[in-house]
């Protein structure tokens, strides 16, 4: 599975697709959301419910406080982040959210 979200669009040689018997599928996500504006909120609500129920356990490589975001972004750019890194935000002294 390959997901493209931003930056330069990757290219694939058509002969490689044919020779390797590969299927290529594209999705116009923006068009889908325009036709179904409620979908994104419904999916988010369902995912949050699954997370609260313990059905989703995201893999977290590291956590760092929000004030260290520049360092964390450098680590990401330098390919030092394995899995994912989570920025923690302290809200009014209530701890990490």
PDB file of N, CA and C in Angstrom:
ATOM      1  N   UNK A   1       0.830  -1.161   0.000  1.00  0.00           N
ATOM      2  CA  UNK A   1       0.000   0.000   0.000  1.00  0.00           C
ATOM      3  C   UNK A   1       0.882   1.234   0.000  1.00  0.00           C
ATOM      4  N   UNK A   2       0.491   2.221  -0.763  1.00  0.00           N
ATOM      5  CA  UNK A   2       1.239   3.460  -0.863  1.00  0.00           C
ATOM      6  C   UNK A   2       0.264   4.609  -0.694  1.00  0.00           C
ATOM      7  N   UNK A   3       0.590   5.551   0.168  1.00  0.00           N
ATOM      8  CA  UNK A   3      -0.274   6.700   0.386  1.00  0.00           C
ATOM      9  C   UNK A   3       0.535   7.945   0.086  1.00  0.00           C
ATOM     10  N   UNK A   4      -0.013   8.813  -0.742  1.00  0.00           N
ATOM     11  CA  UNK A   4       0.627  10.076  -1.078  1.00  0.00           C
ATOM     12  C   UNK A   4      -0.200  11.196  -0.470  1.00  0.00           C
ATOM     13  N   UNK A   5       0.426  12.065   0.333  1.00  0.00           N
ATOM     14  CA  UNK A   5      -0.346  13.122   0.971  1.00  0.00           C
ATOM     15  C   UNK A   5       0.127  14.529   0.622  1.00  0.00           C
ATOM     16  N   UNK A   6       1.393  14.715   0.316  1.00  0.00           N
ATOM     17  CA  UNK A   6       1.845  16.059  -0.039  1.00  0.00           C
ATOM     18  C   UNK A   6       3.228  15.992  -0.677  1.00  0.00           C
ATOM     19  N   UNK A   7       3.699  17.158  -1.140  1.00  0.00           N
ATOM     20  CA  UNK A   7       5.012  17.216  -1.765  1.00  0.00           C
ATOM     21  C   UNK A   7       4.949  16.843  -3.235  1.00  0.00           C
ATOM     22  N   UNK A   8       6.052  16.372  -3.749  1.00  0.00           N
ATOM     23  CA  UNK A   8       6.138  15.990  -5.158  1.00  0.00           C
ATOM     24  C   UNK A   8       5.405  14.668  -5.396  1.00  0.00           C
ATOM     25  N   UNK A   9       4.585  14.637  -6.423  1.00  0.00           N
ATOM     26  CA  UNK A   9       3.832  13.436  -6.740  1.00  0.00           C
ATOM     27  C   UNK A   9       4.776  12.395  -7.345  1.00  0.00           C
ATOM     28  N   UNK A  10       4.819  11.188  -6.768  1.00  0.00           N
ATOM     29  CA  UNK A  10       5.697  10.153  -7.306  1.00  0.00           C
ATOM     30  C   UNK A  10       5.233   9.699  -8.686  1.00  0.00           C
ATOM     31  N   UNK A  11       6.169   9.228  -9.477  1.00  0.00           N
ATOM     32  CA  UNK A  11       5.834   8.725 -10.806  1.00  0.00           C
ATOM     33  C   UNK A  11       6.075   7.219 -10.871  1.00  0.00           C
ATOM     34  N   UNK A  12       5.313   6.567 -11.725  1.00  0.00           N
ATOM     35  CA  UNK A  12       5.455   5.131 -11.932  1.00  0.00           C
ATOM     36  C   UNK A  12       5.465   4.884 -13.436  1.00  0.00           C
ATOM     37  N   UNK A  13       6.438   4.132 -13.920  1.00  0.00           N
ATOM     38  CA  UNK A  13       6.515   3.819 -15.350  1.00  0.00           C
ATOM     39  C   UNK A  13       5.389   2.850 -15.720  1.00  0.00           C
ATOM     40  N   UNK A  14       4.653   3.174 -16.775  1.00  0.00           N
ATOM     41  CA  UNK A  14       3.518   2.348 -17.190  1.00  0.00           C
ATOM     42  C   UNK A  14       3.942   0.924 -17.530  1.00  0.00           C
ATOM     43  N   UNK A  15       5.104   0.740 -18.142  1.00  0.00           N
ATOM     44  CA  UNK A  15       5.537  -0.622 -18.492  1.00  0.00           C
ATOM     45  C   UNK A  15       5.774  -1.469 -17.238  1.00  0.00           C
ATOM     46  N   UNK A  16       6.228  -0.841 -16.167  1.00  0.00           N
ATOM     47  CA  UNK A  16       6.446  -1.578 -14.924  1.00  0.00           C
ATOM     48  C   UNK A  16       5.124  -2.110 -14.371  1.00  0.00           C
ATOM     49  N   UNK A  17       4.071  -1.302 -14.457  1.00  0.00           N
ATOM     50  CA  UNK A  17       2.743  -1.717 -13.997  1.00  0.00           C
ATOM     51  C   UNK A  17       2.262  -2.909 -14.805  1.00  0.00           C
ATOM     52  N   UNK A  18       2.438  -2.842 -16.129  1.00  0.00           N
ATOM     53  CA  UNK A  18       1.987  -3.928 -16.999  1.00  0.00           C
ATOM     54  C   UNK A  18       2.806  -5.195 -16.804  1.00  0.00           C
ATOM     55  N   UNK A  19       4.127  -5.065 -16.758  1.00  0.00           N
ATOM     56  CA  UNK A  19       4.999  -6.231 -16.655  1.00  0.00           C
ATOM     57  C   UNK A  19       4.895  -6.935 -15.306  1.00  0.00           C
ATOM     58  N   UNK A  20       4.648  -6.192 -14.269  1.00  0.00           N
ATOM     59  CA  UNK A  20       4.576  -6.772 -12.919  1.00  0.00           C
ATOM     60  C   UNK A  20       3.147  -7.141 -12.517  1.00  0.00           C
ATOM     61  N   UNK A  21       2.183  -6.915 -13.433  1.00  0.00           N
ATOM     62  CA  UNK A  21       0.781  -7.226 -13.160  1.00  0.00           C
ATOM     63  C   UNK A  21       0.310  -6.527 -11.881  1.00  0.00           C
ATOM     64  N   UNK A  22       0.555  -5.229 -11.825  1.00  0.00           N
ATOM     65  CA  UNK A  22       0.227  -4.414 -10.657  1.00  0.00           C
ATOM     66  C   UNK A  22      -1.047  -3.628 -10.930  1.00  0.00           C
ATOM     67  N   UNK A  23      -1.862  -3.483  -9.910  1.00  0.00           N
ATOM     68  CA  UNK A  23      -3.053  -2.634 -10.003  1.00  0.00           C
ATOM     69  C   UNK A  23      -2.735  -1.279  -9.403  1.00  0.00           C
ATOM     70  N   UNK A  24      -3.208  -0.240 -10.029  1.00  0.00           N
ATOM     71  CA  UNK A  24      -3.010   1.114  -9.554  1.00  0.00           C
ATOM     72  C   UNK A  24      -4.374   1.748  -9.370  1.00  0.00           C
ATOM     73  N   UNK A  25      -4.632   2.269  -8.182  1.00  0.00           N
ATOM     74  CA  UNK A  25      -5.934   2.866  -7.891  1.00  0.00           C
ATOM     75  C   UNK A  25      -5.714   4.268  -7.352  1.00  0.00           C
ATOM     76  N   UNK A  26      -6.441   5.233  -7.865  1.00  0.00           N
ATOM     77  CA  UNK A  26      -6.366   6.602  -7.382  1.00  0.00           C
ATOM     78  C   UNK A  26      -7.688   7.021  -6.779  1.00  0.00           C
ATOM     79  N   UNK A  27      -7.618   7.935  -5.840  1.00  0.00           N
ATOM     80  CA  UNK A  27      -8.824   8.414  -5.176  1.00  0.00           C
ATOM     81  C   UNK A  27      -8.795   9.937  -5.148  1.00  0.00           C
ATOM     82  N   UNK A  28      -9.879  10.540  -5.581  1.00  0.00           N
ATOM     83  CA  UNK A  28     -10.022  11.992  -5.490  1.00  0.00           C
ATOM     84  C   UNK A  28     -10.702  12.296  -4.160  1.00  0.00           C
ATOM     85  N   UNK A  29      -9.898  12.357  -3.096  1.00  0.00           N
ATOM     86  CA  UNK A  29     -10.419  12.493  -1.743  1.00  0.00           C
ATOM     87  C   UNK A  29     -11.210  13.786  -1.573  1.00  0.00           C
ATOM     88  N   UNK A  30     -10.685  14.880  -2.109  1.00  0.00           N
ATOM     89  CA  UNK A  30     -11.383  16.167  -1.985  1.00  0.00           C
ATOM     90  C   UNK A  30     -12.758  16.121  -2.623  1.00  0.00           C
ATOM     91  N   UNK A  31     -12.865  15.484  -3.782  1.00  0.00           N
ATOM     92  CA  UNK A  31     -14.154  15.345  -4.452  1.00  0.00           C
ATOM     93  C   UNK A  31     -15.122  14.506  -3.647  1.00  0.00           C
ATOM     94  N   UNK A  32     -14.619  13.449  -3.018  1.00  0.00           N
ATOM     95  CA  UNK A  32     -15.473  12.596  -2.196  1.00  0.00           C
ATOM     96  C   UNK A  32     -16.009  13.371  -0.998  1.00  0.00           C
ATOM     97  N   UNK A  33     -15.129  14.154  -0.362  1.00  0.00           N
ATOM     98  CA  UNK A  33     -15.565  14.930   0.803  1.00  0.00           C
ATOM     99  C   UNK A  33     -16.554  16.024   0.422  1.00  0.00           C
ATOM    100  N   UNK A  34     -16.433  16.573  -0.787  1.00  0.00           N
ATOM    101  CA  UNK A  34     -17.413  17.562  -1.237  1.00  0.00           C
ATOM    102  C   UNK A  34     -18.780  16.915  -1.422  1.00  0.00           C
ATOM    103  N   UNK A  35     -18.796  15.694  -1.921  1.00  0.00           N
ATOM    104  CA  UNK A  35     -20.049  14.986  -2.136  1.00  0.00           C
ATOM    105  C   UNK A  35     -20.626  14.429  -0.835  1.00  0.00           C
ATOM    106  N   UNK A  36     -19.771  14.161   0.146  1.00  0.00           N
ATOM    107  CA  UNK A  36     -20.187  13.568   1.430  1.00  0.00           C
ATOM    108  C   UNK A  36     -19.545  14.344   2.581  1.00  0.00           C
ATOM    109  N   UNK A  37     -19.958  15.577   2.834  1.00  0.00           N
ATOM    110  CA  UNK A  37     -19.282  16.418   3.832  1.00  0.00           C
ATOM    111  C   UNK A  37     -19.347  15.871   5.259  1.00  0.00           C
ATOM    112  N   UNK A  38     -20.296  15.020   5.559  1.00  0.00           N
ATOM    113  CA  UNK A  38     -20.435  14.475   6.908  1.00  0.00           C
ATOM    114  C   UNK A  38     -19.484  13.311   7.171  1.00  0.00           C
ATOM    115  N   UNK A  39     -18.899  12.742   6.122  1.00  0.00           N
ATOM    116  CA  UNK A  39     -18.110  11.522   6.248  1.00  0.00           C
ATOM    117  C   UNK A  39     -16.901  11.680   7.172  1.00  0.00           C
ATOM    118  N   UNK A  40     -16.157  12.748   7.008  1.00  0.00           N
ATOM    119  CA  UNK A  40     -14.930  12.939   7.783  1.00  0.00           C
ATOM    120  C   UNK A  40     -15.218  13.000   9.282  1.00  0.00           C
ATOM    121  N   UNK A  41     -16.232  13.742   9.680  1.00  0.00           N
ATOM    122  CA  UNK A  41     -16.581  13.845  11.099  1.00  0.00           C
ATOM    123  C   UNK A  41     -17.061  12.502  11.639  1.00  0.00           C
ATOM    124  N   UNK A  42     -17.830  11.762  10.849  1.00  0.00           N
ATOM    125  CA  UNK A  42     -18.337  10.460  11.289  1.00  0.00           C
ATOM    126  C   UNK A  42     -17.196   9.466  11.481  1.00  0.00           C
ATOM    127  N   UNK A  43     -16.240   9.465  10.556  1.00  0.00           N
ATOM    128  CA  UNK A  43     -15.103   8.559  10.667  1.00  0.00           C
ATOM    129  C   UNK A  43     -14.252   8.939  11.877  1.00  0.00           C
ATOM    130  N   UNK A  44     -14.034  10.241  12.073  1.00  0.00           N
ATOM    131  CA  UNK A  44     -13.255  10.688  13.228  1.00  0.00           C
ATOM    132  C   UNK A  44     -13.922  10.253  14.527  1.00  0.00           C
ATOM    133  N   UNK A  45     -15.230  10.433  14.625  1.00  0.00           N
ATOM    134  CA  UNK A  45     -15.956  10.029  15.837  1.00  0.00           C
ATOM    135  C   UNK A  45     -15.827   8.525  16.072  1.00  0.00           C
ATOM    136  N   UNK A  46     -15.942   7.729  15.010  1.00  0.00           N
ATOM    137  CA  UNK A  46     -15.824   6.272  15.146  1.00  0.00           C
ATOM    138  C   UNK A  46     -14.418   5.870  15.580  1.00  0.00           C
ATOM    139  N   UNK A  47     -13.400   6.515  15.011  1.00  0.00           N
ATOM    140  CA  UNK A  47     -12.018   6.212  15.399  1.00  0.00           C
ATOM    141  C   UNK A  47     -11.755   6.586  16.856  1.00  0.00           C
ATOM    142  N   UNK A  48     -12.261   7.733  17.293  1.00  0.00           N
ATOM    143  CA  UNK A  48     -12.060   8.140  18.684  1.00  0.00           C
ATOM    144  C   UNK A  48     -12.767   7.181  19.638  1.00  0.00           C
ATOM    145  N   UNK A  49     -13.939   6.703  19.265  1.00  0.00           N
ATOM    146  CA  UNK A  49     -14.652   5.728  20.091  1.00  0.00           C
ATOM    147  C   UNK A  49     -13.846   4.429  20.193  1.00  0.00           C
ATOM    148  N   UNK A  50     -13.272   3.983  19.073  1.00  0.00           N
ATOM    149  CA  UNK A  50     -12.451   2.777  19.083  1.00  0.00           C
ATOM    150  C   UNK A  50     -11.196   2.985  19.936  1.00  0.00           C
ATOM    151  N   UNK A  51     -10.600   4.177  19.853  1.00  0.00           N
ATOM    152  CA  UNK A  51      -9.405   4.472  20.646  1.00  0.00           C
ATOM    153  C   UNK A  51      -9.734   4.436  22.136  1.00  0.00           C
ATOM    154  N   UNK A  52     -10.819   5.093  22.528  1.00  0.00           N
ATOM    155  CA  UNK A  52     -11.210   5.115  23.943  1.00  0.00           C
ATOM    156  C   UNK A  52     -11.528   3.718  24.464  1.00  0.00           C
ATOM    157  N   UNK A  53     -12.038   2.850  23.592  1.00  0.00           N
ATOM    158  CA  UNK A  53     -12.375   1.479  23.991  1.00  0.00           C
ATOM    159  C   UNK A  53     -11.150   0.571  24.004  1.00  0.00           C
ATOM    160  N   UNK A  54      -9.991   1.108  23.625  1.00  0.00           N
ATOM    161  CA  UNK A  54      -8.772   0.312  23.628  1.00  0.00           C
ATOM    162  C   UNK A  54      -8.620  -0.588  22.412  1.00  0.00           C
ATOM    163  N   UNK A  55      -9.436  -0.351  21.386  1.00  0.00           N
ATOM    164  CA  UNK A  55      -9.362  -1.170  20.175  1.00  0.00           C
ATOM    165  C   UNK A  55      -8.259  -0.709  19.233  1.00  0.00           C
ATOM    166  N   UNK A  56      -7.785   0.515  19.407  1.00  0.00           N
ATOM    167  CA  UNK A  56      -6.679   1.046  18.607  1.00  0.00           C
ATOM    168  C   UNK A  56      -5.535   1.376  19.543  1.00  0.00           C
ATOM    169  N   UNK A  57      -4.355   0.914  19.202  1.00  0.00           N
ATOM    170  CA  UNK A  57      -3.169   1.206  19.982  1.00  0.00           C
ATOM    171  C   UNK A  57      -2.101   1.757  19.036  1.00  0.00           C
ATOM    172  N   UNK A  58      -2.115   3.069  18.820  1.00  0.00           N
ATOM    173  CA  UNK A  58      -1.148   3.656  17.887  1.00  0.00           C
ATOM    174  C   UNK A  58       0.290   3.382  18.321  1.00  0.00           C
ATOM    175  N   UNK A  59       1.127   3.075  17.372  1.00  0.00           N
ATOM    176  CA  UNK A  59       2.552   2.871  17.656  1.00  0.00           C
ATOM    177  C   UNK A  59       3.211   4.236  17.803  1.00  0.00           C
ATOM    178  N   UNK A  60       3.827   4.463  18.954  1.00  0.00           N
ATOM    179  CA  UNK A  60       4.494   5.739  19.217  1.00  0.00           C
ATOM    180  C   UNK A  60       5.963   5.454  19.479  1.00  0.00           C
ATOM    181  N   UNK A  61       6.819   6.064  18.668  1.00  0.00           N
ATOM    182  CA  UNK A  61       8.248   5.879  18.849  1.00  0.00           C
ATOM    183  C   UNK A  61       8.795   6.763  19.945  1.00  0.00           C
ATOM    184  N   UNK A  62       8.459   8.051  19.893  1.00  0.00           N
ATOM    185  CA  UNK A  62       8.943   9.010  20.890  1.00  0.00           C
ATOM    186  C   UNK A  62       7.856  10.033  21.185  1.00  0.00           C
ATOM    187  N   UNK A  63       7.994  10.697  22.314  1.00  0.00           N
ATOM    188  CA  UNK A  63       7.156  11.850  22.636  1.00  0.00           C
ATOM    189  C   UNK A  63       8.085  12.991  23.016  1.00  0.00           C
ATOM    190  N   UNK A  64       7.657  14.202  22.753  1.00  0.00           N
ATOM    191  CA  UNK A  64       8.448  15.353  23.179  1.00  0.00           C
ATOM    192  C   UNK A  64       7.507  16.521  23.427  1.00  0.00           C
ATOM    193  N   UNK A  65       7.897  17.418  24.345  1.00  0.00           N
ATOM    194  CA  UNK A  65       7.060  18.578  24.628  1.00  0.00           C
ATOM    195  C   UNK A  65       6.984  19.503  23.416  1.00  0.00           C
ATOM    196  N   UNK A  66       5.876  20.231  23.330  1.00  0.00           N
ATOM    197  CA  UNK A  66       5.630  21.094  22.183  1.00  0.00           C
ATOM    198  C   UNK A  66       6.740  22.114  21.969  1.00  0.00           C
ATOM    199  N   UNK A  67       7.338  22.606  23.039  1.00  0.00           N
ATOM    200  CA  UNK A  67       8.396  23.613  22.881  1.00  0.00           C
ATOM    201  C   UNK A  67       9.655  23.043  22.227  1.00  0.00           C
ATOM    202  N   UNK A  68       9.735  21.723  22.105  1.00  0.00           N
ATOM    203  CA  UNK A  68      10.865  21.098  21.415  1.00  0.00           C
ATOM    204  C   UNK A  68      10.486  20.638  20.002  1.00  0.00           C
ATOM    205  N   UNK A  69       9.373  21.170  19.485  1.00  0.00           N
ATOM    206  CA  UNK A  69       8.905  20.789  18.149  1.00  0.00           C
ATOM    207  C   UNK A  69       9.954  21.021  17.051  1.00  0.00           C
ATOM    208  N   UNK A  70      10.694  22.145  17.065  1.00  0.00           N
ATOM    209  CA  UNK A  70      11.704  22.322  16.016  1.00  0.00           C
ATOM    210  C   UNK A  70      12.732  21.188  15.971  1.00  0.00           C
ATOM    211  N   UNK A  71      13.183  20.739  17.143  1.00  0.00           N
ATOM    212  CA  UNK A  71      14.141  19.629  17.196  1.00  0.00           C
ATOM    213  C   UNK A  71      13.507  18.350  16.656  1.00  0.00           C
ATOM    214  N   UNK A  72      12.266  18.115  17.061  1.00  0.00           N
ATOM    215  CA  UNK A  72      11.556  16.920  16.611  1.00  0.00           C
ATOM    216  C   UNK A  72      11.358  16.939  15.095  1.00  0.00           C
ATOM    217  N   UNK A  73      11.057  18.115  14.551  1.00  0.00           N
ATOM    218  CA  UNK A  73      10.894  18.225  13.095  1.00  0.00           C
ATOM    219  C   UNK A  73      12.220  17.992  12.370  1.00  0.00           C
ATOM    220  N   UNK A  74      13.326  18.453  12.970  1.00  0.00           N
ATOM    221  CA  UNK A  74      14.641  18.177  12.376  1.00  0.00           C
ATOM    222  C   UNK A  74      14.924  16.681  12.365  1.00  0.00           C
ATOM    223  N   UNK A  75      14.609  16.009  13.484  1.00  0.00           N
ATOM    224  CA  UNK A  75      14.793  14.559  13.545  1.00  0.00           C
ATOM    225  C   UNK A  75      13.958  13.863  12.473  1.00  0.00           C
ATOM    226  N   UNK A  76      12.739  14.337  12.271  1.00  0.00           N
ATOM    227  CA  UNK A  76      11.874  13.774  11.234  1.00  0.00           C
ATOM    228  C   UNK A  76      12.490  13.988   9.850  1.00  0.00           C
ATOM    229  N   UNK A  77      12.959  15.195   9.582  1.00  0.00           N
ATOM    230  CA  UNK A  77      13.576  15.502   8.285  1.00  0.00           C
ATOM    231  C   UNK A  77      14.861  14.704   8.068  1.00  0.00           C
ATOM    232  N   UNK A  78      15.580  14.436   9.152  1.00  0.00           N
ATOM    233  CA  UNK A  78      16.833  13.678   9.054  1.00  0.00           C
ATOM    234  C   UNK A  78      16.609  12.170   9.116  1.00  0.00           C
ATOM    235  N   UNK A  79      15.359  11.748   9.061  1.00  0.00           N
ATOM    236  CA  UNK A  79      14.970  10.337   9.069  1.00  0.00           C
ATOM    237  C   UNK A  79      15.440   9.608  10.327  1.00  0.00           C
ATOM    238  N   UNK A  80      15.399  10.317  11.450  1.00  0.00           N
ATOM    239  CA  UNK A  80      15.782   9.738  12.732  1.00  0.00           C
ATOM    240  C   UNK A  80      14.577   9.187  13.500  1.00  0.00           C
ATOM    241  N   UNK A  81      13.376   9.485  13.017  1.00  0.00           N
ATOM    242  CA  UNK A  81      12.159   9.066  13.705  1.00  0.00           C
ATOM    243  C   UNK A  81      11.732   7.702  13.180  1.00  0.00           C
ATOM    244  N   UNK A  82      11.645   6.741  14.087  1.00  0.00           N
ATOM    245  CA  UNK A  82      11.149   5.410  13.746  1.00  0.00           C
ATOM    246  C   UNK A  82       9.711   5.351  14.240  1.00  0.00           C
ATOM    247  N   UNK A  83       8.812   4.869  13.443  1.00  0.00           N
ATOM    248  CA  UNK A  83       7.382   4.813  13.729  1.00  0.00           C
ATOM    249  C   UNK A  83       6.823   6.230  13.648  1.00  0.00           C
ATOM    250  N   UNK A  84       6.562   6.893  14.774  1.00  0.00           N
ATOM    251  CA  UNK A  84       6.086   8.271  14.759  1.00  0.00           C
ATOM    252  C   UNK A  84       6.456   8.952  16.062  1.00  0.00           C
ATOM    253  N   UNK A  85       6.463  10.267  16.018  1.00  0.00           N
ATOM    254  CA  UNK A  85       6.764  11.047  17.200  1.00  0.00           C
ATOM    255  C   UNK A  85       5.527  11.869  17.545  1.00  0.00           C
ATOM    256  N   UNK A  86       5.232  11.977  18.836  1.00  0.00           N
ATOM    257  CA  UNK A  86       4.045  12.688  19.300  1.00  0.00           C
ATOM    258  C   UNK A  86       4.473  13.906  20.094  1.00  0.00           C
ATOM    259  N   UNK A  87       3.929  15.072  19.727  1.00  0.00           N
ATOM    260  CA  UNK A  87       4.161  16.286  20.491  1.00  0.00           C
ATOM    261  C   UNK A  87       3.123  16.356  21.601  1.00  0.00           C
ATOM    262  N   UNK A  88       3.573  16.600  22.831  1.00  0.00           N
ATOM    263  CA  UNK A  88       2.644  16.723  23.952  1.00  0.00           C
ATOM    264  C   UNK A  88       2.439  18.199  24.263  1.00  0.00           C
ATOM    265  N   UNK A  89       1.209  18.543  24.592  1.00  0.00           N
ATOM    266  CA  UNK A  89       0.847  19.931  24.883  1.00  0.00           C
ATOM    267  C   UNK A  89       0.288  19.982  26.285  1.00  0.00           C
ATOM    268  N   UNK A  90       0.832  20.862  27.112  1.00  0.00           N
ATOM    269  CA  UNK A  90       0.331  21.036  28.468  1.00  0.00           C
ATOM    270  C   UNK A  90      -0.765  22.095  28.431  1.00  0.00           C
ATOM    271  N   UNK A  91      -1.938  21.759  28.948  1.00  0.00           N
ATOM    272  CA  UNK A  91      -3.066  22.688  28.940  1.00  0.00           C
ATOM    273  C   UNK A  91      -3.340  23.195  30.351  1.00  0.00           C
ATOM    274  N   UNK A  92      -2.989  24.440  30.599  1.00  0.00           N
ATOM    275  CA  UNK A  92      -3.277  25.092  31.892  1.00  0.00           C
ATOM    276  C   UNK A  92      -2.767  24.281  33.085  1.00  0.00           C
ATOM    277  N   UNK A  93      -1.624  23.639  32.927  1.00  0.00           N
ATOM    278  CA  UNK A  93      -1.047  22.888  34.025  1.00  0.00           C
ATOM    279  C   UNK A  93      -1.757  21.571  34.306  1.00  0.00           C
ATOM    280  N   UNK A  94      -2.617  21.116  33.396  1.00  0.00           N
ATOM    281  CA  UNK A  94      -3.348  19.875  33.610  1.00  0.00           C
ATOM    282  C   UNK A  94      -2.585  18.653  33.120  1.00  0.00           C
ATOM    283  N   UNK A  95      -1.380  18.850  32.612  1.00  0.00           N
ATOM    284  CA  UNK A  95      -0.605  17.718  32.110  1.00  0.00           C
ATOM    285  C   UNK A  95      -0.731  17.601  30.607  1.00  0.00           C
ATOM    286  N   UNK A  96      -0.218  16.500  30.079  1.00  0.00           N
ATOM    287  CA  UNK A  96      -0.215  16.284  28.630  1.00  0.00           C
ATOM    288  C   UNK A  96      -1.610  15.923  28.133  1.00  0.00           C
ATOM    289  N   UNK A  97      -1.920  16.460  26.948  1.00  0.00           N
ATOM    290  CA  UNK A  97      -3.176  16.085  26.295  1.00  0.00           C
ATOM    291  C   UNK A  97      -2.876  15.537  24.928  1.00  0.00           C
TER     292      UNK A  97
END
